[in-house]
């Protein structure tokens, strides 16, 4: 019983994340896809939604990239400004910034000799805030959420 509830809880969170990022229309295929009698296949549009969501999760899958988004929440920053709060080397940070830029999560512009980065995808930022807030709540007070419902496994 609890295992099914935890599974449903996580699916709801994933569904919310997908709606935040993609809007409602691509998910209509996911919600209306009916399994055939012989095999449980999804509509090609639903498969594309899941593949794209997996790509986004992959882009956001490193702590440094989440730190970058946190650093850029309040506006544009240069690489040197971000290095003041993110503990990594400049080449390493530049690699992560490049991944976020190529994926469309960040935008950049050049000002003199500096490159300034900003969040381009507010939806990706909303996903990060949602998940990080939930994780912070669970880490701060593990007893607040029952074990089967937790995102963080201890």
Protein backbone atom coordinates (compact mmCIF):
# COMPACT_ATOMS: atom_id res chain seq x y z
CA UNK A 1 0.00 0.00 0.00
CA UNK A 2 2.64 2.55 1.01
CA UNK A 3 4.85 1.58 -1.94
CA UNK A 4 2.02 2.34 -4.36
CA UNK A 5 1.34 5.65 -2.60
CA UNK A 6 5.01 6.65 -2.81
CA UNK A 7 5.03 5.72 -6.49
CA UNK A 8 1.91 7.83 -7.10
CA UNK A 9 3.38 10.74 -5.10
CA UNK A 10 6.56 10.74 -7.16
CA UNK A 11 4.55 10.47 -10.40
CA UNK A 12 2.50 13.48 -9.35
CA UNK A 13 5.69 15.44 -8.67
CA UNK A 14 7.09 14.41 -12.06
CA UNK A 15 3.80 15.37 -13.70
CA UNK A 16 3.88 18.80 -11.99
CA UNK A 17 7.46 19.30 -13.15
CA UNK A 18 6.50 18.39 -16.72
CA UNK A 19 3.54 20.77 -16.68
CA UNK A 20 5.70 23.59 -15.32
CA UNK A 21 8.31 23.08 -18.01
CA UNK A 22 6.24 22.09 -21.05
CA UNK A 23 2.85 23.62 -20.39
CA UNK A 24 -0.33 21.59 -20.69
CA UNK A 25 -0.57 20.73 -24.40
CA UNK A 26 2.27 18.19 -24.78
CA UNK A 27 0.97 16.29 -21.77
CA UNK A 28 -2.47 15.70 -23.28
CA UNK A 29 -0.88 12.84 -25.20
CA UNK A 30 0.52 11.42 -21.97
CA UNK A 31 -2.81 11.59 -20.15
CA UNK A 32 -4.86 10.19 -23.04
CA UNK A 33 -2.48 7.51 -24.25
CA UNK A 34 -4.31 4.21 -23.94
CA UNK A 35 -2.32 0.98 -23.77
CA UNK A 36 -3.17 -1.40 -26.60
CA UNK A 37 -4.54 -4.84 -25.85
CA UNK A 38 -1.24 -6.56 -26.57
CA UNK A 39 1.30 -4.05 -25.28
CA UNK A 40 1.40 -0.91 -23.15
CA UNK A 41 2.84 1.62 -25.60
CA UNK A 42 2.71 5.37 -25.36
CA UNK A 43 1.82 7.86 -28.02
CA UNK A 44 4.95 9.12 -29.87
CA UNK A 45 4.29 12.62 -28.55
CA UNK A 46 4.26 11.27 -24.98
CA UNK A 47 7.55 9.50 -25.62
CA UNK A 48 9.02 12.78 -26.90
CA UNK A 49 7.84 14.58 -23.76
CA UNK A 50 9.54 12.01 -21.53
CA UNK A 51 12.73 12.06 -23.60
CA UNK A 52 12.88 15.86 -23.47
CA UNK A 53 12.17 15.89 -19.73
CA UNK A 54 14.97 13.36 -19.22
CA UNK A 55 17.32 15.64 -21.17
CA UNK A 56 16.37 18.56 -18.92
CA UNK A 57 16.88 16.48 -15.78
CA UNK A 58 20.26 15.43 -17.15
CA UNK A 59 21.24 19.06 -17.69
CA UNK A 60 20.19 19.89 -14.12
CA UNK A 61 21.77 16.77 -12.61
CA UNK A 62 24.94 18.25 -11.12
CA UNK A 63 25.18 20.30 -7.93
CA UNK A 64 27.34 22.95 -9.61
CA UNK A 65 24.67 23.61 -12.24
CA UNK A 66 22.05 23.98 -9.51
CA UNK A 67 24.41 26.37 -7.70
CA UNK A 68 24.74 28.36 -10.94
CA UNK A 69 20.98 28.72 -11.19
CA UNK A 70 20.84 29.75 -7.55
CA UNK A 71 23.54 32.37 -8.17
CA UNK A 72 21.62 33.73 -11.16
CA UNK A 73 18.21 33.91 -9.46
CA UNK A 74 18.68 37.58 -8.67
CA UNK A 75 20.00 38.56 -12.10
CA UNK A 76 22.96 38.59 -14.39
CA UNK A 77 26.41 37.59 -13.18
CA UNK A 78 29.86 37.23 -14.68
CA UNK A 79 31.92 34.09 -14.32
CA UNK A 80 34.19 35.80 -11.78
CA UNK A 81 31.17 36.88 -9.70
CA UNK A 82 29.82 33.33 -9.68
CA UNK A 83 33.21 31.95 -8.66
CA UNK A 84 32.94 33.99 -5.44
CA UNK A 85 30.08 31.74 -4.27
CA UNK A 86 30.62 28.52 -6.24
CA UNK A 87 33.59 26.45 -5.12
CA UNK A 88 35.12 25.15 -8.34
CA UNK A 89 37.76 26.10 -10.87
CA UNK A 90 37.07 28.63 -13.61
CA UNK A 91 37.42 26.04 -16.42
CA UNK A 92 35.04 23.68 -14.61
CA UNK A 93 32.47 26.43 -14.10
CA UNK A 94 32.79 27.47 -17.75
CA UNK A 95 32.03 23.90 -18.85
CA UNK A 96 28.89 23.81 -16.72
CA UNK A 97 27.81 27.24 -17.96
CA UNK A 98 28.28 26.05 -21.54
CA UNK A 99 26.03 23.01 -20.95
CA UNK A 100 23.33 25.22 -19.41
CA UNK A 101 23.67 27.74 -22.25
CA UNK A 102 23.53 25.12 -25.04
CA UNK A 103 20.44 23.58 -23.48
CA UNK A 104 18.61 26.92 -23.42
CA UNK A 105 18.46 27.23 -19.64
CA UNK A 106 20.87 30.20 -19.63
CA UNK A 107 21.44 33.15 -21.94
CA UNK A 108 24.63 35.16 -22.19
CA UNK A 109 25.89 38.45 -23.51
CA UNK A 110 29.28 40.02 -23.80
CA UNK A 111 30.10 43.28 -22.06
CA UNK A 112 33.65 44.37 -22.78
CA UNK A 113 35.87 41.43 -21.93
CA UNK A 114 33.35 39.76 -19.61
CA UNK A 115 30.57 37.35 -20.44
CA UNK A 116 27.42 37.89 -18.38
CA UNK A 117 25.01 35.01 -17.84
CA UNK A 118 21.34 35.12 -16.89
CA UNK A 119 18.50 32.62 -16.56
CA UNK A 120 16.66 32.32 -19.84
CA UNK A 121 14.26 29.52 -18.91
CA UNK A 122 12.11 30.60 -15.98
CA UNK A 123 10.37 27.22 -16.19
CA UNK A 124 13.63 25.36 -15.59
CA UNK A 125 14.27 27.69 -12.66
CA UNK A 126 10.79 26.95 -11.27
CA UNK A 127 11.50 23.20 -11.49
CA UNK A 128 14.78 23.64 -9.60
CA UNK A 129 13.13 25.76 -6.93
CA UNK A 130 10.33 23.25 -6.49
CA UNK A 131 12.58 20.21 -6.15
CA UNK A 132 15.26 21.96 -4.06
CA UNK A 133 12.61 23.38 -1.72
CA UNK A 134 11.12 19.91 -1.22
CA UNK A 135 14.56 18.40 -0.56
CA UNK A 136 15.43 21.21 1.89
CA UNK A 137 12.18 20.60 3.80
CA UNK A 138 12.95 16.89 4.02
CA UNK A 139 16.55 17.44 5.14
CA UNK A 140 15.55 20.09 7.68
CA UNK A 141 12.81 18.03 9.29
CA UNK A 142 12.87 14.40 8.12
CA UNK A 143 9.96 13.48 10.39
CA UNK A 144 7.66 16.01 8.71
CA UNK A 145 7.14 13.72 5.72
CA UNK A 146 6.47 10.00 6.03
CA UNK A 147 9.20 7.70 4.68
CA UNK A 148 7.27 6.41 1.64
CA UNK A 149 6.55 9.97 0.49
CA UNK A 150 10.11 11.29 0.71
CA UNK A 151 12.20 12.25 -2.29
CA UNK A 152 15.38 11.98 -0.26
CA UNK A 153 16.32 8.42 0.64
CA UNK A 154 18.16 8.03 3.96
